Amino acid sequence: MIPYEGKNPRTVNFLKTLYFDSPQWVPCGVSLMMATWMKYREELEAIVLAHPRIFPGYVKGSINLDFPDAYVLYEPGYHTDNWGCVWHNIERGLDSIVVKHALENWDDFANWKAPDPLTQADFGARPSLEQIRNGLAAARARGDLAGGGGLAHGFFYMRLFYLRGFENLMMDFANDDPRLHRLIQIIEGYNVAVIQQYLEAGAEYMSFGEDLGTQKSLPISPAMWRRFIKPSYEAMFGPCRDRDIPVYLHSDGHILEIIPDLIDVGIRMINPQIRANTLEGIRDVMKGRIAIALDLDRQLFPFASFSEIEDHIAGAHDALNMKEGGLAMGAECEPDVPLERIDWICSVLERVCKPPLPEELGEKSCAG
C-alpha cells in the first residue's frame, strides 16, 4: 500500500479511492482533446478557468493553442513507428490509424525486428533509467504519485493487430498459428523490459491503456483471451502485483467477462466505458471488487439535453459510489461536444462529485 504521508491532499484522496478507504470526494475530471482545444481555443480556456474544482491550478495561457509540439500521431500525414507500422492521419488534433501492417504477410517475419525496449519507444527514443528516476523523484517532491508505465496506448493486444492486421490476427487466433506465439513472446518481452525499468526506478503506481473490447463484446471468446492474452498480462503486471504496486488499466469496449482475470493479474483500477459495458454490468461485475475510473458516455455528450447529461452523470454516481470509495469519474470531450455542454458537464460533476476548490486544500487557484 502506498503510504499517504508526504502526498498532497488530492493524491491522498485518490489513494483512498483506490484502496476503498473512505475518500472525502469522488475524484473527477474532464479530458479536453487537442482537437477540442484547437476548435474552441480561448472560449474553451474561459470554461476551464471558470471551473477550478475540475481544473485545479490551471493558469491562463499555459496551453499553446497552436500545439507546436503535438505528438506525432496527432499530425496529418503518414508516420512509421519503430515496429515498422505505417500510421495515417487526415485531421490534425485527432488520432492516426495503422494503414500498413508491418507483418501483414508472415513471410516478412524472418527479417522483421522489434525495437530495443531500453532505447526505443513506439516513436522516437525512450527515456533513460536516470531520466525516469528523476521524473519519479520530481513527482514525489510535489506530493504526487510517482507513477509510470512507459508503454503507449495499444501496448499488447492492439500491437498484435497493428502488426498483423485485425482479420489476419483473428485467423491466427482461430488457427493457433505457431508464429503468433512467437510474436506474442517478442511483444511481451519488450513490455516486460520497459515495465522492469520503471520498477527499478522506483515507480509506486503504474498506468497502461489499450482497447480490449468492441462495442458489444470481446473480439475473441473469454476462453481464447485467457489462452492468448492473459499469460502475457500476468508476465507484465504480476511483478507489480507482487510488489503491491497498484496498476491502472484503461480499456475501451466491452470487457465484463474478463474483469475477474484482470483483477487476478494485478489490475487495481479499471477505466471502463459505460455504454459498452452498461451501468448495470459495471455495477454487478465491478462495484466493490475493483476501483472504477468510469468513462462517462462520450457518444451521449454531443447530442444530449442538459437534463439528460445530468441524469446520466448523477445516475452513474448513485449506482456506483460507496462511502468506502472505489469510484472516480471522467468525461472526455471531443470537438463534437458543444461548448455549452462542456461547461454543463463540468458543473454537474462539481455538484455530484463535490471536488473541493484549490484554496480549500491550500493550493493556488486558477489564475486569469
Foldseek 3Di string as FASTA:
>chain_A
DDDLPLAFLVQSLVVLQLVLAQHPFFAEEEAEFLQQCLVQPVLLVVLLQVQCLHVPPAAPPPDDNVCPPDDPQQDADWDAWQQGWIWGDDHHRDGTDTPGAQPLDVVCVVVGDHDALQFGARHHGFDHLVVLLVQLVVCSNNNHASEEQRHDECQAPNNLCSRHPDVRVVVCLVVVPPVLVVVNVVSLVSSQVNLVSNVVSPGQAYEYEYAQADLAGGPDDPVSCCVRPLVSLLSNQVVCVVVVREYEYEHEAADLVCPVSNVVSHHQEYEYECNSQPLVSCLVRPAPPHQYAYEYDQVQQLDDDLVVLLCRVLVSCVSRDDSSHRYHYYYYYYNSHDPVSVSSNSVSCCVRRVRDRQVVSPHDGYHD
